N, C-alpha and C. Protein backbone atom coordinates (compact mmCIF):
# COMPACT_ATOMS: atom_id res chain seq x y z
N MET A 1 -9.33 15.94 -14.70
CA MET A 1 -7.84 15.96 -14.55
C MET A 1 -7.87 17.38 -15.32
N GLN A 2 -7.15 18.01 -14.08
CA GLN A 2 -6.33 19.35 -13.69
C GLN A 2 -5.13 19.17 -14.28
N ASP A 3 -4.70 20.27 -15.22
CA ASP A 3 -3.18 20.63 -15.17
C ASP A 3 -2.25 19.39 -16.25
N GLY A 4 -3.14 18.69 -16.24
CA GLY A 4 -2.56 17.22 -16.86
C GLY A 4 -2.17 15.97 -15.55
N VAL A 5 -3.03 16.44 -14.04
CA VAL A 5 -3.08 15.12 -12.99
C VAL A 5 -3.97 14.40 -13.36
N ARG A 6 -3.74 13.65 -13.03
CA ARG A 6 -5.34 13.38 -12.77
C ARG A 6 -5.10 12.00 -11.41
N VAL A 7 -6.49 12.14 -10.63
CA VAL A 7 -6.59 11.75 -8.85
C VAL A 7 -7.04 10.47 -9.50
N PHE A 8 -6.77 9.34 -9.40
CA PHE A 8 -7.58 7.74 -8.66
C PHE A 8 -7.98 7.67 -7.86
N ARG A 9 -8.87 7.31 -7.38
CA ARG A 9 -9.15 6.62 -5.86
C ARG A 9 -9.56 5.54 -6.27
N LEU A 10 -8.88 4.40 -5.34
CA LEU A 10 -9.45 3.73 -4.93
C LEU A 10 -10.48 3.06 -4.13
N ASN A 11 -11.52 2.66 -4.99
CA ASN A 11 -12.36 2.77 -4.06
C ASN A 11 -13.25 1.34 -3.75
N PHE A 12 -11.86 0.79 -2.67
CA PHE A 12 -12.56 -0.87 -2.35
C PHE A 12 -11.56 -1.10 -1.00
N PRO A 13 -12.32 -1.36 -0.32
CA PRO A 13 -12.13 -1.65 1.01
C PRO A 13 -10.54 -2.88 1.61
N PHE A 14 -10.75 -3.65 0.29
CA PHE A 14 -9.62 -4.86 0.06
C PHE A 14 -9.51 -4.84 -1.53
N LEU A 15 -8.02 -5.60 -1.22
CA LEU A 15 -8.09 -5.15 -3.03
C LEU A 15 -7.15 -7.11 -2.83
N THR A 16 -8.05 -7.72 -3.36
CA THR A 16 -7.37 -9.30 -3.82
C THR A 16 -7.76 -9.68 -4.57
N SER A 17 -7.52 -10.81 -5.33
CA SER A 17 -7.83 -11.22 -6.90
C SER A 17 -9.17 -11.50 -7.12
N SER A 18 -9.76 -11.39 -6.10
CA SER A 18 -11.40 -11.46 -6.35
C SER A 18 -12.14 -10.34 -6.92
N ASN A 19 -10.81 -9.25 -7.10
CA ASN A 19 -11.17 -7.88 -7.48
C ASN A 19 -10.68 -6.91 -8.14
N LEU A 20 -9.45 -7.45 -8.71
CA LEU A 20 -8.39 -6.82 -9.24
C LEU A 20 -8.44 -6.80 -10.50
N ALA A 21 -9.24 -7.55 -11.51
CA ALA A 21 -9.87 -6.93 -12.59
C ALA A 21 -10.36 -6.22 -12.70
N ASP A 22 -11.21 -5.88 -11.58
CA ASP A 22 -12.67 -4.51 -12.01
C ASP A 22 -11.46 -3.43 -11.80
N CYS A 23 -9.94 -3.51 -10.29
CA CYS A 23 -9.81 -2.45 -10.15
C CYS A 23 -8.71 -2.09 -12.08
N ARG A 24 -8.25 -2.75 -12.41
CA ARG A 24 -7.59 -2.94 -13.23
C ARG A 24 -8.20 -2.10 -14.40
N GLN A 25 -9.09 -2.54 -14.54
CA GLN A 25 -9.96 -2.27 -15.83
C GLN A 25 -10.14 -0.25 -15.39
N LEU A 26 -10.56 0.01 -13.97
CA LEU A 26 -11.03 1.43 -13.47
C LEU A 26 -9.37 2.37 -13.54
N PHE A 27 -8.29 1.28 -13.00
CA PHE A 27 -7.08 2.18 -13.89
C PHE A 27 -6.55 2.62 -14.88
N ASP A 28 -7.25 1.29 -16.09
CA ASP A 28 -6.89 1.64 -17.34
C ASP A 28 -7.46 2.96 -17.89
N THR A 29 -8.65 3.06 -17.79
CA THR A 29 -9.59 3.82 -17.94
C THR A 29 -9.29 5.43 -17.15
N ALA A 30 -8.84 5.69 -16.04
CA ALA A 30 -8.16 6.91 -15.69
C ALA A 30 -6.95 7.00 -16.21
N LEU A 31 -5.93 6.09 -16.85
CA LEU A 31 -4.89 6.27 -17.62
C LEU A 31 -4.81 6.67 -18.91
N SER A 32 -6.40 6.36 -19.57
CA SER A 32 -6.71 6.30 -21.27
C SER A 32 -7.17 8.16 -21.80
N VAL A 33 -6.98 9.36 -20.53
CA VAL A 33 -7.01 10.40 -20.90
C VAL A 33 -5.02 10.67 -20.75
N ARG A 34 -4.12 10.04 -20.86
CA ARG A 34 -3.09 10.26 -21.05
C ARG A 34 -2.59 11.50 -20.28
N PRO A 35 -2.68 11.58 -18.74
CA PRO A 35 -2.02 12.70 -17.42
C PRO A 35 -0.78 12.86 -17.78
N THR A 36 -0.05 13.48 -17.81
CA THR A 36 1.59 13.41 -17.31
C THR A 36 1.79 12.97 -15.85
N ARG A 37 0.49 13.05 -15.03
CA ARG A 37 1.03 13.07 -13.64
C ARG A 37 -0.30 12.46 -13.22
N VAL A 38 0.03 10.89 -12.65
CA VAL A 38 -1.18 10.16 -11.48
C VAL A 38 -0.94 10.22 -10.44
N VAL A 39 -2.38 10.88 -9.36
CA VAL A 39 -1.93 10.56 -7.72
C VAL A 39 -2.82 9.20 -7.45
N ILE A 40 -2.57 8.12 -7.24
CA ILE A 40 -3.40 7.34 -6.37
C ILE A 40 -3.94 7.05 -5.00
N ASP A 41 -5.16 7.70 -5.16
CA ASP A 41 -5.27 7.79 -3.50
C ASP A 41 -6.01 6.40 -3.29
N LEU A 42 -5.04 5.83 -2.18
CA LEU A 42 -5.71 4.13 -1.78
C LEU A 42 -6.74 4.47 -0.80
N GLY A 43 -7.43 5.60 -0.32
CA GLY A 43 -8.11 5.95 0.14
C GLY A 43 -8.94 5.35 1.42
N PRO A 44 -10.36 4.13 1.12
CA PRO A 44 -10.70 2.91 2.26
C PRO A 44 -9.77 1.89 1.93
N LEU A 45 -8.89 2.12 1.33
CA LEU A 45 -7.57 0.90 1.01
C LEU A 45 -7.20 0.20 2.57
N GLN A 46 -7.77 -1.20 3.23
CA GLN A 46 -7.54 -1.29 4.91
C GLN A 46 -6.81 -2.81 4.30
N PHE A 47 -7.11 -3.33 3.10
CA PHE A 47 -6.22 -4.83 3.75
C PHE A 47 -6.54 -5.04 1.90
N PHE A 48 -4.91 -5.83 1.13
CA PHE A 48 -4.69 -6.34 0.34
C PHE A 48 -3.71 -7.33 0.67
N ASP A 49 -4.51 -8.63 -0.06
CA ASP A 49 -3.37 -10.14 -0.63
C ASP A 49 -1.86 -9.30 -1.21
N SER A 50 -1.30 -10.47 -1.18
CA SER A 50 -0.38 -10.49 -2.59
C SER A 50 -0.38 -10.71 -3.69
N ASN A 51 -2.03 -11.41 -4.21
CA ASN A 51 -2.03 -10.51 -5.43
C ASN A 51 -2.80 -9.35 -5.81
N GLY A 52 -3.33 -8.48 -4.74
CA GLY A 52 -3.70 -7.38 -4.83
C GLY A 52 -2.44 -6.57 -4.47
N PHE A 53 -1.36 -6.89 -3.67
CA PHE A 53 -0.26 -6.08 -3.82
C PHE A 53 0.30 -6.12 -5.20
N ALA A 54 0.24 -7.31 -5.75
CA ALA A 54 1.37 -7.39 -7.22
C ALA A 54 0.92 -6.78 -8.59
N GLY A 55 -0.41 -7.06 -8.37
CA GLY A 55 -1.11 -6.23 -9.05
C GLY A 55 -1.45 -4.85 -9.23
N LEU A 56 -1.81 -4.16 -7.51
CA LEU A 56 -1.14 -2.63 -7.77
C LEU A 56 0.14 -2.50 -8.29
N LEU A 57 1.16 -3.02 -7.84
CA LEU A 57 2.77 -2.74 -8.02
C LEU A 57 2.76 -2.94 -10.09
N ARG A 58 2.25 -3.85 -10.81
CA ARG A 58 2.10 -3.95 -11.72
C ARG A 58 1.75 -2.78 -12.68
N SER A 59 0.52 -2.46 -12.05
CA SER A 59 -0.46 -0.92 -12.17
C SER A 59 0.61 0.23 -12.82
N ILE A 60 0.79 0.08 -11.47
CA ILE A 60 1.74 1.42 -10.87
C ILE A 60 2.97 1.17 -12.27
N ALA A 61 3.89 0.38 -12.03
CA ALA A 61 4.88 -0.02 -13.12
C ALA A 61 4.55 0.64 -14.25
N LYS A 62 3.34 0.27 -15.43
CA LYS A 62 2.55 0.06 -16.44
C LYS A 62 2.46 2.02 -16.21
N ALA A 63 1.96 2.37 -15.29
CA ALA A 63 2.02 4.02 -16.06
C ALA A 63 3.12 4.90 -15.63
N MET A 64 3.71 4.21 -14.93
CA MET A 64 5.16 4.90 -14.54
C MET A 64 5.93 5.36 -15.76
N SER A 65 5.79 4.43 -16.75
CA SER A 65 6.51 4.02 -18.20
C SER A 65 5.34 5.42 -18.76
N SER A 66 4.79 6.09 -18.45
CA SER A 66 4.23 7.35 -19.52
C SER A 66 4.13 8.60 -18.90
N CYS A 67 3.91 7.77 -17.72
CA CYS A 67 3.53 9.76 -16.27
C CYS A 67 4.41 9.74 -15.17
N GLU A 68 4.64 10.28 -14.32
CA GLU A 68 4.83 10.75 -13.05
C GLU A 68 3.27 10.05 -12.01
N VAL A 69 3.98 9.33 -11.02
CA VAL A 69 3.16 8.61 -10.00
C VAL A 69 3.82 8.78 -8.50
N ARG A 70 2.49 9.09 -8.02
CA ARG A 70 2.51 9.66 -6.75
C ARG A 70 1.12 8.50 -6.24
N LEU A 71 1.58 8.10 -4.78
CA LEU A 71 0.21 7.31 -4.22
C LEU A 71 0.16 7.93 -2.56
N CYS A 72 -1.26 8.01 -2.29
CA CYS A 72 -1.75 8.58 -0.86
C CYS A 72 -2.29 8.35 -0.03
N SER A 73 -2.64 7.69 0.94
CA SER A 73 -2.88 6.67 1.39
C SER A 73 -3.25 7.48 3.12
N SER A 74 -4.29 7.71 3.95
CA SER A 74 -4.96 8.12 4.92
C SER A 74 -4.34 7.04 5.93
N SER A 75 -4.40 5.61 5.34
CA SER A 75 -4.46 4.55 6.37
C SER A 75 -2.33 4.35 6.89
N ASN A 76 -2.23 4.51 8.39
CA ASN A 76 -1.10 4.17 8.64
C ASN A 76 -0.53 2.42 8.00
N ASN A 77 -1.59 1.95 7.88
CA ASN A 77 -0.79 -0.19 7.85
C ASN A 77 -0.35 -0.07 6.60
N VAL A 78 -1.21 1.03 5.36
CA VAL A 78 -0.44 1.05 4.26
C VAL A 78 0.50 1.45 3.90
N HIS A 79 0.34 2.56 4.48
CA HIS A 79 1.60 3.69 4.32
C HIS A 79 2.91 3.14 4.94
N ALA A 80 2.55 2.77 5.86
CA ALA A 80 3.88 1.44 6.60
C ALA A 80 4.41 0.78 5.35
N LEU A 81 3.37 0.02 4.88
CA LEU A 81 3.86 -1.17 3.77
C LEU A 81 4.88 -0.72 2.74
N PHE A 82 4.42 0.54 2.49
CA PHE A 82 5.11 1.06 1.24
C PHE A 82 6.04 2.14 1.54
N GLN A 83 6.55 2.67 2.58
CA GLN A 83 7.63 3.10 3.38
C GLN A 83 8.62 1.54 3.18
N LEU A 84 8.33 0.51 3.55
CA LEU A 84 9.38 -0.07 3.45
C LEU A 84 9.43 -0.35 1.81
N MET A 85 9.21 -0.26 1.06
CA MET A 85 9.84 -0.66 -0.14
C MET A 85 10.93 0.55 -0.85
């Protein structure tokens, strides 16, 4: 963490109900240092189902209660989906 900014890289090619608990645990650990800003790097994420998407949104909402949150992704598909929101 530098200057209160924590970068959380989602190192999963997919996010579904099968690995959502692992992702949440890693995200909660990243937030445990109480950053003022969090950048969620969706990195290799290529696919998520409705459970994965809902879980990601819940994690983001939880983080937003205590810090600023930004998303980044090099995937055009993931980027396009978040632009619709």
